[in-house]
Amino acid sequence: MPVVLGLDSSLTKMGYCLLDAGPEAKFYNIGKWYTSNLGNIRLSEIAPALRSIVDSNDVVLVGVEEYAYNAWGQVYNIGEAGGIVKLWFYKKQIPMVRVQSRALKKFATANGSATKTEIIQSLNSRYNIGLKDGTHPIPGNKRGKLEECEDDKGDAVTLALIVRMWYRVWMGLDSFDSYSAHEREVYDRLLLAKEWFL
């Protein structure tokens, strides 16, 4: 069965979501890869991590979050890591759709300025996937510390849902009009921007 992949990658971690490309949005695997290594060691770990996520699945399309062009800090390091991801999928001949942050937020919540918490709450409400939204206390913690927000996984789930729609509409499996207005808007924006490539 064809599978789509949402991948939210950064310097030290990758949220990922493998989603059935069939008629029902069946989630196969939602997870996060993490490394504490630096420099070339960290870069050398990216391809094996992708292999462990992808290789046993028939991935037909991958969605990644596009770089934030106004970001400051370790932009060169982020570019190196992102280049490894893109090259790996290119060599596998798995097409990629690049999604801007605002489009991701819009698709998940109908609001292009949504917070990470709002994205996760919307996904949990619609798909009952149980991601932590960062608003609940850690059980047994007397200081009231909150659970970590699983925003990497939330972004990966949203990316997978976007490319699932892309795949199903592109292949003629779903009617474009069967999706909500804000989902269609994101699809059109990606198509017009040509944010996809082999």
N, C-alpha and C. Protein backbone atom coordinates (compact mmCIF):
# COMPACT_ATOMS: atom_id res chain seq x y z
N MET A 1 0.84 -1.19 0.00
CA MET A 1 0.00 0.00 0.00
C MET A 1 0.88 1.25 0.00
N PRO A 2 0.61 2.21 -0.89
CA PRO A 2 1.41 3.44 -0.90
C PRO A 2 1.28 4.21 0.42
N VAL A 3 2.40 4.80 0.82
CA VAL A 3 2.48 5.55 2.07
C VAL A 3 3.08 6.92 1.76
N VAL A 4 2.60 7.95 2.46
CA VAL A 4 3.24 9.27 2.37
C VAL A 4 3.94 9.54 3.69
N LEU A 5 4.93 10.42 3.62
CA LEU A 5 5.75 10.73 4.79
C LEU A 5 5.77 12.23 5.03
N GLY A 6 5.49 12.63 6.26
CA GLY A 6 5.71 14.01 6.70
C GLY A 6 6.97 14.03 7.54
N LEU A 7 7.86 14.96 7.25
CA LEU A 7 9.16 14.99 7.92
C LEU A 7 9.47 16.42 8.37
N ASP A 8 9.56 16.62 9.67
CA ASP A 8 9.91 17.92 10.24
C ASP A 8 11.33 17.81 10.79
N SER A 9 12.30 18.24 10.00
CA SER A 9 13.69 18.04 10.41
C SER A 9 14.34 19.34 10.84
N SER A 10 15.21 19.24 11.82
CA SER A 10 16.00 20.37 12.29
C SER A 10 17.42 19.87 12.52
N LEU A 11 18.22 20.64 13.24
CA LEU A 11 19.61 20.26 13.44
C LEU A 11 19.78 18.96 14.21
N THR A 12 19.01 18.79 15.25
CA THR A 12 19.25 17.66 16.16
C THR A 12 18.11 16.65 16.20
N LYS A 13 17.02 16.90 15.48
CA LYS A 13 15.88 15.99 15.60
C LYS A 13 15.04 16.00 14.32
N MET A 14 14.27 14.94 14.16
CA MET A 14 13.33 14.83 13.05
C MET A 14 12.04 14.23 13.57
N GLY A 15 10.96 15.01 13.47
CA GLY A 15 9.65 14.43 13.68
C GLY A 15 9.22 13.78 12.38
N TYR A 16 8.57 12.63 12.47
CA TYR A 16 8.14 11.95 11.24
C TYR A 16 6.78 11.32 11.42
N CYS A 17 6.07 11.21 10.31
CA CYS A 17 4.75 10.58 10.31
C CYS A 17 4.58 9.83 9.00
N LEU A 18 4.36 8.52 9.11
CA LEU A 18 4.04 7.68 7.96
C LEU A 18 2.53 7.47 7.94
N LEU A 19 1.92 7.84 6.83
CA LEU A 19 0.47 7.87 6.72
C LEU A 19 0.02 7.12 5.46
N ASP A 20 -0.97 6.27 5.62
CA ASP A 20 -1.53 5.53 4.49
C ASP A 20 -2.05 6.51 3.44
N ALA A 21 -1.70 6.29 2.19
CA ALA A 21 -2.19 7.14 1.12
C ALA A 21 -3.53 6.66 0.58
N GLY A 22 -4.12 5.66 1.24
CA GLY A 22 -5.42 5.13 0.82
C GLY A 22 -6.57 6.04 1.22
N PRO A 23 -7.80 5.56 1.06
CA PRO A 23 -8.99 6.39 1.31
C PRO A 23 -9.12 6.87 2.75
N GLU A 24 -8.66 6.09 3.70
CA GLU A 24 -8.72 6.48 5.11
C GLU A 24 -7.35 6.98 5.57
N ALA A 25 -7.36 8.01 6.40
CA ALA A 25 -6.10 8.56 6.92
C ALA A 25 -5.62 7.69 8.08
N LYS A 26 -4.97 6.58 7.74
CA LYS A 26 -4.49 5.63 8.74
C LYS A 26 -3.03 5.93 9.05
N PHE A 27 -2.74 6.22 10.32
CA PHE A 27 -1.39 6.56 10.75
C PHE A 27 -0.62 5.29 11.09
N TYR A 28 0.49 5.05 10.37
CA TYR A 28 1.31 3.88 10.62
C TYR A 28 2.33 4.12 11.72
N ASN A 29 2.96 5.27 11.69
CA ASN A 29 4.04 5.52 12.64
C ASN A 29 4.22 7.03 12.81
N ILE A 30 4.13 7.48 14.04
CA ILE A 30 4.41 8.88 14.38
C ILE A 30 5.53 8.84 15.39
N GLY A 31 6.65 9.47 15.09
CA GLY A 31 7.78 9.39 16.01
C GLY A 31 8.74 10.55 15.88
N LYS A 32 9.84 10.44 16.61
CA LYS A 32 10.86 11.47 16.57
C LYS A 32 12.23 10.83 16.69
N TRP A 33 13.14 11.22 15.81
CA TRP A 33 14.54 10.82 15.88
C TRP A 33 15.32 11.97 16.48
N TYR A 34 16.31 11.64 17.32
CA TYR A 34 17.08 12.68 18.00
C TYR A 34 18.54 12.28 18.08
N THR A 35 19.42 13.28 17.95
CA THR A 35 20.85 13.06 18.19
C THR A 35 21.39 14.20 19.04
N SER A 36 22.34 13.87 19.90
CA SER A 36 23.01 14.91 20.70
C SER A 36 24.40 15.22 20.14
N ASN A 37 24.76 14.55 19.04
CA ASN A 37 26.08 14.76 18.45
C ASN A 37 26.15 16.09 17.69
N LEU A 38 27.36 16.51 17.39
CA LEU A 38 27.59 17.78 16.72
C LEU A 38 28.37 17.59 15.43
N GLY A 39 28.39 18.63 14.60
CA GLY A 39 29.25 18.68 13.42
C GLY A 39 29.03 17.55 12.44
N ASN A 40 30.14 17.04 11.91
CA ASN A 40 30.07 16.00 10.87
C ASN A 40 29.49 14.69 11.39
N ILE A 41 29.68 14.41 12.67
CA ILE A 41 29.09 13.18 13.24
C ILE A 41 27.57 13.26 13.13
N ARG A 42 27.03 14.41 13.50
CA ARG A 42 25.59 14.60 13.41
C ARG A 42 25.12 14.45 11.95
N LEU A 43 25.83 15.10 11.02
CA LEU A 43 25.44 15.01 9.62
C LEU A 43 25.49 13.57 9.11
N SER A 44 26.48 12.80 9.59
CA SER A 44 26.62 11.41 9.14
C SER A 44 25.49 10.52 9.63
N GLU A 45 24.75 10.97 10.64
CA GLU A 45 23.67 10.16 11.21
C GLU A 45 22.34 10.37 10.50
N ILE A 46 22.23 11.40 9.66
CA ILE A 46 20.94 11.74 9.06
C ILE A 46 20.48 10.67 8.07
N ALA A 47 21.35 10.27 7.12
CA ALA A 47 20.95 9.28 6.12
C ALA A 47 20.55 7.95 6.75
N PRO A 48 21.32 7.40 7.71
CA PRO A 48 20.88 6.16 8.35
C PRO A 48 19.53 6.32 9.09
N ALA A 49 19.29 7.49 9.67
CA ALA A 49 18.01 7.73 10.34
C ALA A 49 16.88 7.70 9.32
N LEU A 50 17.07 8.35 8.18
CA LEU A 50 16.05 8.34 7.13
C LEU A 50 15.80 6.92 6.63
N ARG A 51 16.89 6.16 6.47
CA ARG A 51 16.77 4.77 6.01
C ARG A 51 15.91 3.96 6.99
N SER A 52 16.14 4.15 8.28
CA SER A 52 15.38 3.38 9.27
C SER A 52 13.90 3.77 9.27
N ILE A 53 13.58 5.00 8.92
CA ILE A 53 12.20 5.46 8.88
C ILE A 53 11.50 5.00 7.61
N VAL A 54 12.20 5.04 6.48
CA VAL A 54 11.57 4.90 5.17
C VAL A 54 11.66 3.50 4.59
N ASP A 55 12.78 2.82 4.71
CA ASP A 55 13.10 1.68 3.86
C ASP A 55 12.11 0.53 3.86
N SER A 56 11.42 0.27 4.94
CA SER A 56 10.49 -0.86 4.95
C SER A 56 9.09 -0.44 4.49
N ASN A 57 8.95 0.78 3.97
CA ASN A 57 7.65 1.28 3.55
C ASN A 57 7.68 1.71 2.09
N ASP A 58 6.54 1.64 1.43
CA ASP A 58 6.41 2.07 0.03
C ASP A 58 6.06 3.56 0.00
N VAL A 59 7.05 4.41 0.32
CA VAL A 59 6.81 5.85 0.39
C VAL A 59 6.76 6.41 -1.03
N VAL A 60 5.63 7.05 -1.38
CA VAL A 60 5.44 7.57 -2.73
C VAL A 60 5.62 9.09 -2.79
N LEU A 61 5.58 9.77 -1.64
CA LEU A 61 5.70 11.22 -1.61
C LEU A 61 6.08 11.65 -0.20
N VAL A 62 6.94 12.66 -0.10
CA VAL A 62 7.35 13.17 1.20
C VAL A 62 7.09 14.67 1.26
N GLY A 63 6.65 15.13 2.42
CA GLY A 63 6.46 16.56 2.65
C GLY A 63 7.43 17.04 3.72
N VAL A 64 8.11 18.15 3.44
CA VAL A 64 9.04 18.74 4.41
C VAL A 64 8.67 20.20 4.60
N GLU A 65 8.99 20.72 5.78
CA GLU A 65 8.77 22.14 6.02
C GLU A 65 9.92 22.92 5.40
N GLU A 66 9.57 23.94 4.64
CA GLU A 66 10.57 24.76 3.97
C GLU A 66 11.35 25.57 5.00
N TYR A 67 12.56 25.97 4.63
CA TYR A 67 13.38 26.79 5.51
C TYR A 67 12.66 28.10 5.83
N ALA A 68 12.88 28.59 7.05
CA ALA A 68 12.41 29.92 7.42
C ALA A 68 13.48 30.91 6.97
N TYR A 69 13.19 31.66 5.93
CA TYR A 69 14.22 32.51 5.33
C TYR A 69 14.62 33.70 6.19
N ASN A 70 13.79 34.02 7.18
CA ASN A 70 14.15 35.12 8.08
C ASN A 70 14.79 34.61 9.37
N ALA A 71 15.12 33.32 9.41
CA ALA A 71 15.69 32.74 10.63
C ALA A 71 17.13 33.19 10.84
N TRP A 72 17.49 33.36 12.08
CA TRP A 72 18.85 33.74 12.45
C TRP A 72 19.50 32.59 13.20
N GLY A 73 20.80 32.63 13.33
CA GLY A 73 21.48 31.60 14.10
C GLY A 73 22.26 30.67 13.20
N GLN A 74 22.01 29.37 13.34
CA GLN A 74 22.82 28.36 12.66
C GLN A 74 22.26 28.02 11.28
N VAL A 75 22.06 29.06 10.46
CA VAL A 75 21.42 28.83 9.16
C VAL A 75 22.26 27.94 8.25
N TYR A 76 23.57 28.05 8.32
CA TYR A 76 24.42 27.22 7.46
C TYR A 76 24.34 25.76 7.88
N ASN A 77 24.36 25.53 9.18
CA ASN A 77 24.23 24.15 9.68
C ASN A 77 22.87 23.55 9.30
N ILE A 78 21.83 24.36 9.43
CA ILE A 78 20.49 23.89 9.06
C ILE A 78 20.45 23.56 7.57
N GLY A 79 21.09 24.42 6.76
CA GLY A 79 21.13 24.19 5.32
C GLY A 79 21.86 22.91 4.96
N GLU A 80 22.96 22.63 5.67
CA GLU A 80 23.71 21.38 5.41
C GLU A 80 22.84 20.17 5.73
N ALA A 81 22.18 20.19 6.88
CA ALA A 81 21.32 19.07 7.27
C ALA A 81 20.15 18.91 6.29
N GLY A 82 19.53 20.04 5.92
CA GLY A 82 18.42 19.99 4.97
C GLY A 82 18.84 19.48 3.61
N GLY A 83 20.06 19.84 3.20
CA GLY A 83 20.58 19.36 1.93
C GLY A 83 20.76 17.85 1.91
N ILE A 84 21.20 17.29 3.02
CA ILE A 84 21.35 15.84 3.12
C ILE A 84 19.99 15.16 2.98
N VAL A 85 18.97 15.72 3.64
CA VAL A 85 17.61 15.15 3.55
C VAL A 85 17.13 15.18 2.10
N LYS A 86 17.25 16.34 1.45
CA LYS A 86 16.76 16.47 0.07
C LYS A 86 17.51 15.55 -0.88
N LEU A 87 18.82 15.46 -0.73
CA LEU A 87 19.61 14.59 -1.60
C LEU A 87 19.25 13.13 -1.39
N TRP A 88 19.01 12.73 -0.15
CA TRP A 88 18.68 11.34 0.14
C TRP A 88 17.39 10.94 -0.59
N PHE A 89 16.37 11.80 -0.52
CA PHE A 89 15.11 11.48 -1.20
C PHE A 89 15.26 11.56 -2.72
N TYR A 90 16.09 12.48 -3.19
CA TYR A 90 16.35 12.56 -4.63
C TYR A 90 16.97 11.27 -5.14
N LYS A 91 17.96 10.76 -4.42
CA LYS A 91 18.60 9.51 -4.83
C LYS A 91 17.64 8.34 -4.79
N LYS A 92 16.67 8.36 -3.89
CA LYS A 92 15.65 7.31 -3.80
C LYS A 92 14.54 7.51 -4.83
N GLN A 93 14.58 8.64 -5.55
CA GLN A 93 13.55 8.99 -6.52
C GLN A 93 12.16 9.06 -5.87
N ILE A 94 12.13 9.62 -4.67
CA ILE A 94 10.86 9.87 -3.97
C ILE A 94 10.58 11.36 -4.07
N PRO A 95 9.51 11.76 -4.76
CA PRO A 95 9.22 13.19 -4.91
C PRO A 95 8.97 13.86 -3.56
N MET A 96 9.28 15.16 -3.53
CA MET A 96 9.19 15.93 -2.29
C MET A 96 8.35 17.19 -2.53
N VAL A 97 7.51 17.50 -1.56
CA VAL A 97 6.76 18.75 -1.54
C VAL A 97 7.29 19.58 -0.38
N ARG A 98 7.67 20.81 -0.66
CA ARG A 98 8.17 21.71 0.39
C ARG A 98 7.04 22.64 0.81
N VAL A 99 6.80 22.74 2.10
CA VAL A 99 5.65 23.46 2.62
C VAL A 99 6.13 24.61 3.52
N GLN A 100 5.66 25.81 3.23
CA GLN A 100 5.98 26.96 4.08
C GLN A 100 5.27 26.81 5.43
N SER A 101 5.86 27.40 6.46
CA SER A 101 5.33 27.29 7.81
C SER A 101 3.89 27.80 7.91
N ARG A 102 3.59 28.92 7.29
CA ARG A 102 2.23 29.47 7.35
C ARG A 102 1.22 28.54 6.68
N ALA A 103 1.63 27.90 5.59
CA ALA A 103 0.74 26.96 4.90
C ALA A 103 0.47 25.74 5.78
N LEU A 104 1.49 25.27 6.47
CA LEU A 104 1.33 24.14 7.39
C LEU A 104 0.30 24.48 8.47
N LYS A 105 0.46 25.66 9.07
CA LYS A 105 -0.46 26.10 10.13
C LYS A 105 -1.89 26.24 9.60
N LYS A 106 -2.00 26.80 8.40
CA LYS A 106 -3.31 27.00 7.78
C LYS A 106 -4.00 25.67 7.53
N PHE A 107 -3.26 24.70 7.03
CA PHE A 107 -3.84 23.40 6.72
C PHE A 107 -4.36 22.73 7.99
N ALA A 108 -3.61 22.82 9.07
CA ALA A 108 -3.99 22.14 10.31
C ALA A 108 -5.14 22.81 11.04
N THR A 109 -5.20 24.14 10.97
CA THR A 109 -6.13 24.87 11.84
C THR A 109 -7.02 25.88 11.14
N ALA A 110 -6.82 26.13 9.85
CA ALA A 110 -7.49 27.19 9.09
C ALA A 110 -6.97 28.57 9.48
N ASN A 111 -5.88 28.63 10.25
CA ASN A 111 -5.30 29.89 10.70
C ASN A 111 -3.79 29.85 10.43
N GLY A 112 -3.31 30.69 9.53
CA GLY A 112 -1.90 30.69 9.18
C GLY A 112 -0.98 31.22 10.26
N SER A 113 -1.55 31.72 11.35
CA SER A 113 -0.76 32.23 12.47
C SER A 113 -0.92 31.37 13.72
N ALA A 114 -1.42 30.16 13.56
CA ALA A 114 -1.69 29.28 14.72
C ALA A 114 -0.41 28.96 15.48
N THR A 115 -0.55 28.73 16.78
CA THR A 115 0.58 28.31 17.61
C THR A 115 0.78 26.81 17.47
N LYS A 116 1.93 26.34 17.94
CA LYS A 116 2.20 24.89 17.94
C LYS A 116 1.15 24.15 18.75
N THR A 117 0.77 24.72 19.88
CA THR A 117 -0.25 24.09 20.73
C THR A 117 -1.58 23.99 19.99
N GLU A 118 -1.96 25.04 19.30
CA GLU A 118 -3.23 25.02 18.55
C GLU A 118 -3.20 23.99 17.44
N ILE A 119 -2.05 23.83 16.78
CA ILE A 119 -1.92 22.81 15.74
C ILE A 119 -2.16 21.43 16.33
N ILE A 120 -1.49 21.14 17.45
CA ILE A 120 -1.62 19.82 18.06
C ILE A 120 -3.04 19.59 18.57
N GLN A 121 -3.64 20.59 19.17
CA GLN A 121 -5.00 20.43 19.67
C GLN A 121 -5.97 20.16 18.52
N SER A 122 -5.77 20.83 17.39
CA SER A 122 -6.62 20.59 16.22
C SER A 122 -6.45 19.17 15.69
N LEU A 123 -5.19 18.71 15.60
CA LEU A 123 -4.93 17.35 15.12
C LEU A 123 -5.50 16.31 16.07
N ASN A 124 -5.31 16.52 17.37
CA ASN A 124 -5.84 15.57 18.36
C ASN A 124 -7.36 15.50 18.28
N SER A 125 -8.01 16.65 18.11
CA SER A 125 -9.46 16.70 18.03
C SER A 125 -9.98 15.97 16.80
N ARG A 126 -9.29 16.15 15.69
CA ARG A 126 -9.77 15.58 14.43
C ARG A 126 -9.40 14.11 14.25
N TYR A 127 -8.20 13.73 14.71
CA TYR A 127 -7.70 12.38 14.43
C TYR A 127 -7.46 11.54 15.67
N ASN A 128 -7.62 12.12 16.86
CA ASN A 128 -7.46 11.37 18.12
C ASN A 128 -6.12 10.66 18.20
N ILE A 129 -5.02 11.41 17.94
CA ILE A 129 -3.70 10.80 17.90
C ILE A 129 -2.92 10.98 19.21
N GLY A 130 -3.45 11.77 20.14
CA GLY A 130 -2.88 11.83 21.49
C GLY A 130 -1.52 12.48 21.62
N LEU A 131 -1.21 13.47 20.79
CA LEU A 131 0.07 14.17 20.94
C LEU A 131 -0.01 15.13 22.13
N LYS A 132 1.11 15.31 22.82
CA LYS A 132 1.18 16.23 23.95
C LYS A 132 1.24 17.66 23.42
N ASP A 133 0.37 18.52 23.97
CA ASP A 133 0.28 19.89 23.45
C ASP A 133 1.00 20.92 24.33
N GLY A 134 1.66 20.45 25.39
CA GLY A 134 2.44 21.36 26.24
C GLY A 134 1.62 22.15 27.24
N THR A 135 0.36 21.76 27.45
CA THR A 135 -0.49 22.51 28.40
C THR A 135 -0.83 21.71 29.65
N HIS A 136 -0.37 20.47 29.75
CA HIS A 136 -0.71 19.62 30.89
C HIS A 136 0.51 19.41 31.79
N PRO A 137 0.29 19.44 33.11
CA PRO A 137 1.40 19.20 34.04
C PRO A 137 1.93 17.78 33.93
N ILE A 138 3.22 17.63 34.17
CA ILE A 138 3.82 16.31 34.24
C ILE A 138 3.28 15.61 35.48
N PRO A 139 2.73 14.41 35.35
CA PRO A 139 2.19 13.71 36.51
C PRO A 139 3.24 13.54 37.61
N GLY A 140 2.87 13.90 38.83
CA GLY A 140 3.77 13.74 39.97
C GLY A 140 4.76 14.87 40.16
N ASN A 141 4.81 15.83 39.25
CA ASN A 141 5.74 16.94 39.39
C ASN A 141 5.11 18.02 40.27
N LYS A 142 5.71 18.24 41.43
CA LYS A 142 5.13 19.16 42.41
C LYS A 142 5.34 20.63 42.03
N ARG A 143 6.23 20.90 41.10
CA ARG A 143 6.48 22.29 40.69
C ARG A 143 5.55 22.75 39.57
N GLY A 144 4.70 21.87 39.12
CA GLY A 144 3.75 22.24 38.07
C GLY A 144 4.36 22.34 36.69
N LYS A 145 5.53 21.71 36.51
CA LYS A 145 6.18 21.73 35.19
C LYS A 145 5.28 21.05 34.16
N LEU A 146 5.21 21.64 32.96
CA LEU A 146 4.34 21.12 31.93
C LEU A 146 5.05 20.08 31.06
N GLU A 147 4.26 19.15 30.53
CA GLU A 147 4.80 18.18 29.58
C GLU A 147 5.33 18.91 28.35
N GLU A 148 6.35 18.34 27.74
CA GLU A 148 6.92 18.92 26.53
C GLU A 148 5.91 18.88 25.40
N CYS A 149 5.81 19.96 24.66
CA CYS A 149 4.95 20.02 23.49
C CYS A 149 5.58 19.19 22.37
N GLU A 150 4.82 18.26 21.82
CA GLU A 150 5.34 17.40 20.75
C GLU A 150 5.13 18.06 19.38
N ASP A 151 5.69 19.28 19.25
CA ASP A 151 5.46 20.05 18.04
C ASP A 151 6.14 19.45 16.82
N ASP A 152 7.27 18.76 16.99
CA ASP A 152 7.93 18.10 15.85
C ASP A 152 7.01 17.05 15.24
N LYS A 153 6.38 16.28 16.10
CA LYS A 153 5.45 15.26 15.61
C LYS A 153 4.21 15.90 15.01
N GLY A 154 3.72 16.96 15.64
CA GLY A 154 2.55 17.65 15.12
C GLY A 154 2.78 18.21 13.73
N ASP A 155 3.95 18.83 13.52
CA ASP A 155 4.27 19.35 12.19
C ASP A 155 4.41 18.21 11.18
N ALA A 156 5.02 17.10 11.61
CA ALA A 156 5.18 15.95 10.71
C ALA A 156 3.82 15.37 10.31
N VAL A 157 2.90 15.28 11.25
CA VAL A 157 1.56 14.78 10.95
C VAL A 157 0.88 15.69 9.93
N THR A 158 0.97 17.01 10.16
CA THR A 158 0.35 17.96 9.23
C THR A 158 0.97 17.85 7.85
N LEU A 159 2.29 17.74 7.78
CA LEU A 159 2.96 17.59 6.49
C LEU A 159 2.50 16.31 5.77
N ALA A 160 2.35 15.24 6.53
CA ALA A 160 1.87 13.98 5.93
C ALA A 160 0.45 14.14 5.40
N LEU A 161 -0.40 14.84 6.13
CA LEU A 161 -1.78 15.06 5.67
C LEU A 161 -1.80 15.92 4.41
N ILE A 162 -0.92 16.92 4.35
CA ILE A 162 -0.84 17.77 3.15
C ILE A 162 -0.44 16.95 1.93
N VAL A 163 0.62 16.14 2.07
CA VAL A 163 1.08 15.39 0.89
C VAL A 163 0.15 14.22 0.57
N ARG A 164 -0.60 13.74 1.56
CA ARG A 164 -1.62 12.73 1.27
C ARG A 164 -2.69 13.34 0.37
N MET A 165 -3.14 14.55 0.71
CA MET A 165 -4.12 15.24 -0.15
C MET A 165 -3.53 15.46 -1.54
N TRP A 166 -2.30 15.96 -1.56
CA TRP A 166 -1.61 16.22 -2.83
C TRP A 166 -1.61 14.95 -3.69
N TYR A 167 -1.18 13.85 -3.12
CA TYR A 167 -1.08 12.59 -3.84
C TYR A 167 -2.45 12.13 -4.35
N ARG A 168 -3.44 12.17 -3.48
CA ARG A 168 -4.75 11.63 -3.84
C ARG A 168 -5.46 12.49 -4.89
N VAL A 169 -5.31 13.80 -4.81
CA VAL A 169 -5.91 14.68 -5.83
C VAL A 169 -5.14 14.54 -7.14
N TRP A 170 -3.81 14.56 -7.05
CA TRP A 170 -2.95 14.47 -8.23
C TRP A 170 -3.20 13.18 -9.01
N MET A 171 -3.41 12.08 -8.27
CA MET A 171 -3.62 10.77 -8.91
C MET A 171 -5.08 10.55 -9.30
N GLY A 172 -5.96 11.51 -9.04
CA GLY A 172 -7.37 11.37 -9.39
C GLY A 172 -8.15 10.45 -8.47
N LEU A 173 -7.62 10.20 -7.28
CA LEU A 173 -8.28 9.30 -6.32
C LEU A 173 -9.32 10.03 -5.47
N ASP A 174 -9.15 11.33 -5.29
CA ASP A 174 -10.09 12.15 -4.55
C ASP A 174 -10.48 13.36 -5.39
N SER A 175 -11.69 13.82 -5.17
CA SER A 175 -12.11 15.08 -5.77
C SER A 175 -11.50 16.24 -4.98
N PHE A 176 -11.01 17.23 -5.68
CA PHE A 176 -10.46 18.43 -5.03
C PHE A 176 -11.49 19.06 -4.11
N ASP A 177 -12.75 19.05 -4.52
CA ASP A 177 -13.82 19.68 -3.75
C ASP A 177 -14.19 18.91 -2.49
N SER A 178 -13.67 17.69 -2.33
CA SER A 178 -13.98 16.92 -1.11
C SER A 178 -13.19 17.42 0.09
N TYR A 179 -12.24 18.32 -0.15
CA TYR A 179 -11.43 18.88 0.94
C TYR A 179 -11.99 20.24 1.34
N SER A 180 -11.65 20.67 2.55
CA SER A 180 -12.16 21.94 3.07
C SER A 180 -11.54 23.12 2.30
N ALA A 181 -12.15 24.29 2.45
CA ALA A 181 -11.68 25.48 1.72
C ALA A 181 -10.24 25.83 2.09
N HIS A 182 -9.89 25.74 3.38
CA HIS A 182 -8.52 26.11 3.76
C HIS A 182 -7.50 25.06 3.30
N GLU A 183 -7.91 23.79 3.22
CA GLU A 183 -7.02 22.77 2.68
C GLU A 183 -6.80 22.98 1.18
N ARG A 184 -7.85 23.32 0.46
CA ARG A 184 -7.73 23.60 -0.97
C ARG A 184 -6.85 24.82 -1.22
N GLU A 185 -6.96 25.81 -0.34
CA GLU A 185 -6.12 27.01 -0.48
C GLU A 185 -4.64 26.67 -0.35
N VAL A 186 -4.31 25.80 0.60
CA VAL A 186 -2.91 25.38 0.77
C VAL A 186 -2.44 24.62 -0.46
N TYR A 187 -3.27 23.71 -0.96
CA TYR A 187 -2.91 22.95 -2.17
C TYR A 187 -2.63 23.89 -3.33
N ASP A 188 -3.51 24.85 -3.55
CA ASP A 188 -3.33 25.80 -4.66
C ASP A 188 -2.07 26.62 -4.48
N ARG A 189 -1.79 27.04 -3.24
CA ARG A 189 -0.60 27.84 -2.97
C ARG A 189 0.67 27.05 -3.29
N LEU A 190 0.70 25.79 -2.90
CA LEU A 190 1.87 24.95 -3.19
C LEU A 190 2.02 24.72 -4.68
N LEU A 191 0.91 24.50 -5.35
CA LEU A 191 0.95 24.24 -6.79
C LEU A 191 1.44 25.47 -7.55
N LEU A 192 0.93 26.64 -7.19
CA LEU A 192 1.34 27.87 -7.86
C LEU A 192 2.79 28.21 -7.59
N ALA A 193 3.25 27.92 -6.36
CA ALA A 193 4.63 28.24 -6.00
C ALA A 193 5.62 27.22 -6.55
N LYS A 194 5.10 26.14 -7.14
CA LYS A 194 5.95 25.04 -7.64
C LYS A 194 6.90 24.55 -6.55
N GLU A 195 6.36 24.38 -5.36
CA GLU A 195 7.18 23.94 -4.21
C GLU A 195 7.26 22.42 -4.17
N TRP A 196 7.61 21.82 -5.27
CA TRP A 196 7.73 20.36 -5.33
C TRP A 196 8.78 20.01 -6.37
N PHE A 197 9.40 18.91 -6.17
CA PHE A 197 10.44 18.48 -7.10
C PHE A 197 10.75 17.02 -6.88
N LEU A 198 11.40 16.43 -7.87
CA LEU A 198 11.91 15.06 -7.73
C LEU A 198 13.24 15.11 -7.04
